[in-house]
């Protein structure tokens, strides 16, 4: 297993929230039943306040998906 995979697997939901907060996404919504977090689209906006809640983090596969026009996924 590659080193980044070990790090990724070790991250908790609270770690993800803290990292996103550090990056400027201070607001989020959580759907525990469906297993995802929603953040403002900091991937498209310099200031998170200008973003919309379209950046999803899926707990099961530990991936981010941006549901704006780009519809890209990140891990």
PDB file of N, CA and C in Angstrom:
ATOM      1  N   UNK A   1       0.845  -1.176   0.000  1.00  0.00           N
ATOM      2  CA  UNK A   1       0.000   0.000   0.000  1.00  0.00           C
ATOM      3  C   UNK A   1       0.892   1.241   0.000  1.00  0.00           C
ATOM      4  N   UNK A   2       0.520   2.208  -0.800  1.00  0.00           N
ATOM      5  CA  UNK A   2       1.290   3.439  -0.869  1.00  0.00           C
ATOM      6  C   UNK A   2       1.053   4.288   0.377  1.00  0.00           C
ATOM      7  N   UNK A   3       2.003   5.125   0.693  1.00  0.00           N
ATOM      8  CA  UNK A   3       1.950   5.943   1.906  1.00  0.00           C
ATOM      9  C   UNK A   3       0.711   6.835   1.951  1.00  0.00           C
ATOM     10  N   UNK A   4       0.351   7.485   0.828  1.00  0.00           N
ATOM     11  CA  UNK A   4      -0.811   8.371   0.844  1.00  0.00           C
ATOM     12  C   UNK A   4      -2.094   7.591   1.109  1.00  0.00           C
ATOM     13  N   UNK A   5      -2.163   6.340   0.677  1.00  0.00           N
ATOM     14  CA  UNK A   5      -3.344   5.517   0.935  1.00  0.00           C
ATOM     15  C   UNK A   5      -3.487   5.227   2.429  1.00  0.00           C
ATOM     16  N   UNK A   6      -2.362   4.988   3.099  1.00  0.00           N
ATOM     17  CA  UNK A   6      -2.387   4.766   4.549  1.00  0.00           C
ATOM     18  C   UNK A   6      -2.883   6.012   5.266  1.00  0.00           C
ATOM     19  N   UNK A   7      -2.376   7.156   4.841  1.00  0.00           N
ATOM     20  CA  UNK A   7      -2.794   8.412   5.458  1.00  0.00           C
ATOM     21  C   UNK A   7      -4.285   8.634   5.221  1.00  0.00           C
ATOM     22  N   UNK A   8      -4.729   8.448   3.985  1.00  0.00           N
ATOM     23  CA  UNK A   8      -6.138   8.646   3.633  1.00  0.00           C
ATOM     24  C   UNK A   8      -7.039   7.743   4.474  1.00  0.00           C
ATOM     25  N   UNK A   9      -6.676   6.493   4.612  1.00  0.00           N
ATOM     26  CA  UNK A   9      -7.479   5.541   5.377  1.00  0.00           C
ATOM     27  C   UNK A   9      -7.514   5.872   6.868  1.00  0.00           C
ATOM     28  N   UNK A  10      -6.497   6.558   7.351  1.00  0.00           N
ATOM     29  CA  UNK A  10      -6.440   6.875   8.777  1.00  0.00           C
ATOM     30  C   UNK A  10      -7.261   8.113   9.148  1.00  0.00           C
ATOM     31  N   UNK A  11      -7.682   8.901   8.148  1.00  0.00           N
ATOM     32  CA  UNK A  11      -8.433  10.118   8.426  1.00  0.00           C
ATOM     33  C   UNK A  11      -9.848   9.811   8.902  1.00  0.00           C
ATOM     34  N   UNK A  12     -10.254  10.480   9.958  1.00  0.00           N
ATOM     35  CA  UNK A  12     -11.616  10.346  10.460  1.00  0.00           C
ATOM     36  C   UNK A  12     -12.468  11.468   9.870  1.00  0.00           C
ATOM     37  N   UNK A  13     -13.780  11.380  10.088  1.00  0.00           N
ATOM     38  CA  UNK A  13     -14.674  12.444   9.641  1.00  0.00           C
ATOM     39  C   UNK A  13     -14.281  13.763  10.309  1.00  0.00           C
ATOM     40  N   UNK A  14     -13.950  13.709  11.587  1.00  0.00           N
ATOM     41  CA  UNK A  14     -13.520  14.930  12.273  1.00  0.00           C
ATOM     42  C   UNK A  14     -12.241  15.505  11.675  1.00  0.00           C
ATOM     43  N   UNK A  15     -11.334  14.649  11.219  1.00  0.00           N
ATOM     44  CA  UNK A  15     -10.121  15.117  10.539  1.00  0.00           C
ATOM     45  C   UNK A  15     -10.490  15.845   9.244  1.00  0.00           C
ATOM     46  N   UNK A  16     -11.406  15.271   8.486  1.00  0.00           N
ATOM     47  CA  UNK A  16     -11.839  15.882   7.225  1.00  0.00           C
ATOM     48  C   UNK A  16     -12.455  17.252   7.498  1.00  0.00           C
ATOM     49  N   UNK A  17     -13.294  17.337   8.504  1.00  0.00           N
ATOM     50  CA  UNK A  17     -13.935  18.608   8.861  1.00  0.00           C
ATOM     51  C   UNK A  17     -12.884  19.642   9.260  1.00  0.00           C
ATOM     52  N   UNK A  18     -11.893  19.226  10.040  1.00  0.00           N
ATOM     53  CA  UNK A  18     -10.827  20.154  10.462  1.00  0.00           C
ATOM     54  C   UNK A  18      -9.980  20.610   9.263  1.00  0.00           C
ATOM     55  N   UNK A  19      -9.673  19.700   8.365  1.00  0.00           N
ATOM     56  CA  UNK A  19      -8.884  20.056   7.173  1.00  0.00           C
ATOM     57  C   UNK A  19      -9.668  21.045   6.309  1.00  0.00           C
ATOM     58  N   UNK A  20     -10.933  20.763   6.091  1.00  0.00           N
ATOM     59  CA  UNK A  20     -11.755  21.651   5.267  1.00  0.00           C
ATOM     60  C   UNK A  20     -11.916  23.016   5.935  1.00  0.00           C
ATOM     61  N   UNK A  21     -12.040  23.034   7.242  1.00  0.00           N
ATOM     62  CA  UNK A  21     -12.115  24.296   7.979  1.00  0.00           C
ATOM     63  C   UNK A  21     -10.834  25.098   7.764  1.00  0.00           C
ATOM     64  N   UNK A  22      -9.695  24.433   7.860  1.00  0.00           N
ATOM     65  CA  UNK A  22      -8.397  25.074   7.634  1.00  0.00           C
ATOM     66  C   UNK A  22      -8.313  25.657   6.224  1.00  0.00           C
ATOM     67  N   UNK A  23      -8.909  24.963   5.249  1.00  0.00           N
ATOM     68  CA  UNK A  23      -8.883  25.414   3.858  1.00  0.00           C
ATOM     69  C   UNK A  23      -9.925  26.491   3.551  1.00  0.00           C
ATOM     70  N   UNK A  24     -10.755  26.813   4.535  1.00  0.00           N
ATOM     71  CA  UNK A  24     -11.719  27.894   4.344  1.00  0.00           C
ATOM     72  C   UNK A  24     -13.171  27.479   4.298  1.00  0.00           C
ATOM     73  N   UNK A  25     -13.439  26.183   4.272  1.00  0.00           N
ATOM     74  CA  UNK A  25     -14.824  25.687   4.251  1.00  0.00           C
ATOM     75  C   UNK A  25     -15.286  25.472   5.684  1.00  0.00           C
ATOM     76  N   UNK A  26     -15.655  26.558   6.334  1.00  0.00           N
ATOM     77  CA  UNK A  26     -16.004  26.504   7.751  1.00  0.00           C
ATOM     78  C   UNK A  26     -17.412  25.982   7.990  1.00  0.00           C
ATOM     79  N   UNK A  27     -18.283  26.111   6.996  1.00  0.00           N
ATOM     80  CA  UNK A  27     -19.655  25.623   7.119  1.00  0.00           C
ATOM     81  C   UNK A  27     -19.779  24.292   6.388  1.00  0.00           C
ATOM     82  N   UNK A  28     -20.569  23.401   6.954  1.00  0.00           N
ATOM     83  CA  UNK A  28     -20.830  22.130   6.292  1.00  0.00           C
ATOM     84  C   UNK A  28     -22.159  21.582   6.774  1.00  0.00           C
ATOM     85  N   UNK A  29     -22.661  20.637   6.021  1.00  0.00           N
ATOM     86  CA  UNK A  29     -23.868  19.908   6.396  1.00  0.00           C
ATOM     87  C   UNK A  29     -23.493  18.433   6.402  1.00  0.00           C
ATOM     88  N   UNK A  30     -24.104  17.674   7.305  1.00  0.00           N
ATOM     89  CA  UNK A  30     -23.782  16.244   7.371  1.00  0.00           C
ATOM     90  C   UNK A  30     -25.053  15.424   7.284  1.00  0.00           C
ATOM     91  N   UNK A  31     -25.026  14.434   6.411  1.00  0.00           N
ATOM     92  CA  UNK A  31     -26.116  13.472   6.312  1.00  0.00           C
ATOM     93  C   UNK A  31     -25.545  12.134   6.765  1.00  0.00           C
ATOM     94  N   UNK A  32     -25.691  11.842   8.048  1.00  0.00           N
ATOM     95  CA  UNK A  32     -25.128  10.613   8.604  1.00  0.00           C
ATOM     96  C   UNK A  32     -25.832   9.379   8.052  1.00  0.00           C
ATOM     97  N   UNK A  33     -27.118   9.497   7.782  1.00  0.00           N
ATOM     98  CA  UNK A  33     -27.878   8.363   7.264  1.00  0.00           C
ATOM     99  C   UNK A  33     -27.358   7.924   5.900  1.00  0.00           C
ATOM    100  N   UNK A  34     -27.068   8.881   5.034  1.00  0.00           N
ATOM    101  CA  UNK A  34     -26.571   8.552   3.687  1.00  0.00           C
ATOM    102  C   UNK A  34     -25.053   8.545   3.605  1.00  0.00           C
ATOM    103  N   UNK A  35     -24.371   9.005   4.647  1.00  0.00           N
ATOM    104  CA  UNK A  35     -22.913   8.904   4.711  1.00  0.00           C
ATOM    105  C   UNK A  35     -22.144   9.918   3.898  1.00  0.00           C
ATOM    106  N   UNK A  36     -22.553  11.188   3.960  1.00  0.00           N
ATOM    107  CA  UNK A  36     -21.766  12.202   3.278  1.00  0.00           C
ATOM    108  C   UNK A  36     -21.812  13.529   4.013  1.00  0.00           C
ATOM    109  N   UNK A  37     -20.805  14.350   3.715  1.00  0.00           N
ATOM    110  CA  UNK A  37     -20.713  15.731   4.174  1.00  0.00           C
ATOM    111  C   UNK A  37     -20.850  16.613   2.948  1.00  0.00           C
ATOM    112  N   UNK A  38     -21.410  17.807   3.119  1.00  0.00           N
ATOM    113  CA  UNK A  38     -21.500  18.764   2.015  1.00  0.00           C
ATOM    114  C   UNK A  38     -20.824  20.054   2.469  1.00  0.00           C
ATOM    115  N   UNK A  39     -19.884  20.515   1.656  1.00  0.00           N
ATOM    116  CA  UNK A  39     -19.172  21.761   1.927  1.00  0.00           C
ATOM    117  C   UNK A  39     -19.455  22.752   0.817  1.00  0.00           C
ATOM    118  N   UNK A  40     -19.138  24.010   1.081  1.00  0.00           N
ATOM    119  CA  UNK A  40     -19.208  25.006   0.018  1.00  0.00           C
ATOM    120  C   UNK A  40     -18.070  24.736  -0.960  1.00  0.00           C
ATOM    121  N   UNK A  41     -18.273  25.116  -2.205  1.00  0.00           N
ATOM    122  CA  UNK A  41     -17.322  24.788  -3.270  1.00  0.00           C
ATOM    123  C   UNK A  41     -16.062  25.650  -3.206  1.00  0.00           C
ATOM    124  N   UNK A  42     -15.193  25.329  -2.277  1.00  0.00           N
ATOM    125  CA  UNK A  42     -13.930  26.060  -2.164  1.00  0.00           C
ATOM    126  C   UNK A  42     -13.000  25.725  -3.323  1.00  0.00           C
ATOM    127  N   UNK A  43     -13.306  24.672  -4.046  1.00  0.00           N
ATOM    128  CA  UNK A  43     -12.473  24.302  -5.202  1.00  0.00           C
ATOM    129  C   UNK A  43     -12.681  25.276  -6.371  1.00  0.00           C
ATOM    130  N   UNK A  44     -13.741  26.086  -6.323  1.00  0.00           N
ATOM    131  CA  UNK A  44     -14.036  27.028  -7.401  1.00  0.00           C
ATOM    132  C   UNK A  44     -14.068  28.479  -6.946  1.00  0.00           C
ATOM    133  N   UNK A  45     -13.984  28.707  -5.659  1.00  0.00           N
ATOM    134  CA  UNK A  45     -14.107  30.064  -5.137  1.00  0.00           C
ATOM    135  C   UNK A  45     -12.936  30.383  -4.232  1.00  0.00           C
ATOM    136  N   UNK A  46     -12.375  31.550  -4.410  1.00  0.00           N
ATOM    137  CA  UNK A  46     -11.274  31.977  -3.553  1.00  0.00           C
ATOM    138  C   UNK A  46     -11.776  32.145  -2.126  1.00  0.00           C
ATOM    139  N   UNK A  47     -12.977  32.693  -1.976  1.00  0.00           N
ATOM    140  CA  UNK A  47     -13.587  32.856  -0.666  1.00  0.00           C
ATOM    141  C   UNK A  47     -14.765  31.892  -0.544  1.00  0.00           C
ATOM    142  N   UNK A  48     -14.766  31.084   0.498  1.00  0.00           N
ATOM    143  CA  UNK A  48     -15.810  30.071   0.676  1.00  0.00           C
ATOM    144  C   UNK A  48     -17.199  30.698   0.783  1.00  0.00           C
ATOM    145  N   UNK A  49     -17.274  31.921   1.283  1.00  0.00           N
ATOM    146  CA  UNK A  49     -18.581  32.571   1.414  1.00  0.00           C
ATOM    147  C   UNK A  49     -19.275  32.729   0.070  1.00  0.00           C
ATOM    148  N   UNK A  50     -18.505  32.760  -1.008  1.00  0.00           N
ATOM    149  CA  UNK A  50     -19.075  32.902  -2.345  1.00  0.00           C
ATOM    150  C   UNK A  50     -19.495  31.560  -2.940  1.00  0.00           C
ATOM    151  N   UNK A  51     -19.157  30.471  -2.291  1.00  0.00           N
ATOM    152  CA  UNK A  51     -19.453  29.138  -2.810  1.00  0.00           C
ATOM    153  C   UNK A  51     -20.852  28.681  -2.457  1.00  0.00           C
ATOM    154  N   UNK A  52     -21.252  27.615  -3.113  1.00  0.00           N
ATOM    155  CA  UNK A  52     -22.538  26.995  -2.805  1.00  0.00           C
ATOM    156  C   UNK A  52     -22.264  25.584  -2.277  1.00  0.00           C
ATOM    157  N   UNK A  53     -23.232  25.016  -1.598  1.00  0.00           N
ATOM    158  CA  UNK A  53     -23.056  23.687  -1.015  1.00  0.00           C
ATOM    159  C   UNK A  53     -23.177  22.619  -2.105  1.00  0.00           C
ATOM    160  N   UNK A  54     -22.066  22.424  -2.835  1.00  0.00           N
ATOM    161  CA  UNK A  54     -22.047  21.433  -3.908  1.00  0.00           C
ATOM    162  C   UNK A  54     -20.783  20.568  -3.898  1.00  0.00           C
ATOM    163  N   UNK A  55     -19.988  20.666  -2.837  1.00  0.00           N
ATOM    164  CA  UNK A  55     -18.786  19.848  -2.720  1.00  0.00           C
ATOM    165  C   UNK A  55     -19.067  18.765  -1.682  1.00  0.00           C
ATOM    166  N   UNK A  56     -19.274  17.551  -2.155  1.00  0.00           N
ATOM    167  CA  UNK A  56     -19.664  16.428  -1.298  1.00  0.00           C
ATOM    168  C   UNK A  56     -18.447  15.592  -0.948  1.00  0.00           C
ATOM    169  N   UNK A  57     -18.413  15.112   0.292  1.00  0.00           N
ATOM    170  CA  UNK A  57     -17.402  14.147   0.720  1.00  0.00           C
ATOM    171  C   UNK A  57     -18.148  12.881   1.108  1.00  0.00           C
ATOM    172  N   UNK A  58     -17.847  11.787   0.390  1.00  0.00           N
ATOM    173  CA  UNK A  58     -18.503  10.507   0.642  1.00  0.00           C
ATOM    174  C   UNK A  58     -17.640   9.664   1.564  1.00  0.00           C
ATOM    175  N   UNK A  59     -18.210   9.329   2.716  1.00  0.00           N
ATOM    176  CA  UNK A  59     -17.455   8.606   3.743  1.00  0.00           C
ATOM    177  C   UNK A  59     -17.043   7.206   3.297  1.00  0.00           C
ATOM    178  N   UNK A  60     -17.886   6.523   2.568  1.00  0.00           N
ATOM    179  CA  UNK A  60     -17.619   5.135   2.208  1.00  0.00           C
ATOM    180  C   UNK A  60     -16.370   4.983   1.339  1.00  0.00           C
ATOM    181  N   UNK A  61     -16.237   5.832   0.319  1.00  0.00           N
ATOM    182  CA  UNK A  61     -15.077   5.703  -0.565  1.00  0.00           C
ATOM    183  C   UNK A  61     -14.039   6.806  -0.356  1.00  0.00           C
ATOM    184  N   UNK A  62     -14.283   7.672   0.619  1.00  0.00           N
ATOM    185  CA  UNK A  62     -13.353   8.743   0.982  1.00  0.00           C
ATOM    186  C   UNK A  62     -12.994   9.623  -0.217  1.00  0.00           C
ATOM    187  N   UNK A  63     -14.015  10.033  -0.942  1.00  0.00           N
ATOM    188  CA  UNK A  63     -13.808  10.882  -2.122  1.00  0.00           C
ATOM    189  C   UNK A  63     -14.661  12.133  -2.030  1.00  0.00           C
ATOM    190  N   UNK A  64     -14.135  13.204  -2.600  1.00  0.00           N
ATOM    191  CA  UNK A  64     -14.887  14.437  -2.785  1.00  0.00           C
ATOM    192  C   UNK A  64     -15.417  14.457  -4.206  1.00  0.00           C
ATOM    193  N   UNK A  65     -16.638  14.938  -4.372  1.00  0.00           N
ATOM    194  CA  UNK A  65     -17.210  15.149  -5.701  1.00  0.00           C
ATOM    195  C   UNK A  65     -17.791  16.551  -5.716  1.00  0.00           C
ATOM    196  N   UNK A  66     -17.391  17.318  -6.724  1.00  0.00           N
ATOM    197  CA  UNK A  66     -17.899  18.673  -6.891  1.00  0.00           C
ATOM    198  C   UNK A  66     -19.036  18.628  -7.905  1.00  0.00           C
ATOM    199  N   UNK A  67     -20.234  19.016  -7.463  1.00  0.00           N
ATOM    200  CA  UNK A  67     -21.405  18.972  -8.335  1.00  0.00           C
ATOM    201  C   UNK A  67     -21.722  20.345  -8.919  1.00  0.00           C
ATOM    202  N   UNK A  68     -20.693  20.978  -9.461  1.00  0.00           N
ATOM    203  CA  UNK A  68     -20.898  22.190 -10.240  1.00  0.00           C
ATOM    204  C   UNK A  68     -20.778  21.764 -11.690  1.00  0.00           C
ATOM    205  N   UNK A  69     -20.536  22.696 -12.560  1.00  0.00           N
ATOM    206  CA  UNK A  69     -20.416  22.372 -13.982  1.00  0.00           C
ATOM    207  C   UNK A  69     -19.278  21.400 -14.270  1.00  0.00           C
ATOM    208  N   UNK A  70     -18.256  21.373 -13.427  1.00  0.00           N
ATOM    209  CA  UNK A  70     -17.112  20.500 -13.715  1.00  0.00           C
ATOM    210  C   UNK A  70     -17.365  19.041 -13.334  1.00  0.00           C
ATOM    211  N   UNK A  71     -18.143  18.794 -12.294  1.00  0.00           N
ATOM    212  CA  UNK A  71     -18.483  17.435 -11.826  1.00  0.00           C
ATOM    213  C   UNK A  71     -17.241  16.537 -11.703  1.00  0.00           C
ATOM    214  N   UNK A  72     -16.191  17.055 -11.086  1.00  0.00           N
ATOM    215  CA  UNK A  72     -14.959  16.276 -10.895  1.00  0.00           C
ATOM    216  C   UNK A  72     -14.956  15.625  -9.525  1.00  0.00           C
ATOM    217  N   UNK A  73     -14.175  14.547  -9.413  1.00  0.00           N
ATOM    218  CA  UNK A  73     -14.015  13.910  -8.108  1.00  0.00           C
ATOM    219  C   UNK A  73     -12.551  13.979  -7.701  1.00  0.00           C
ATOM    220  N   UNK A  74     -12.341  14.012  -6.391  1.00  0.00           N
ATOM    221  CA  UNK A  74     -11.007  14.155  -5.815  1.00  0.00           C
ATOM    222  C   UNK A  74     -10.889  13.215  -4.619  1.00  0.00           C
ATOM    223  N   UNK A  75      -9.691  12.778  -4.344  1.00  0.00           N
ATOM    224  CA  UNK A  75      -9.491  12.064  -3.076  1.00  0.00           C
ATOM    225  C   UNK A  75      -8.307  12.637  -2.354  1.00  0.00           C
TER     226      UNK A  75
END
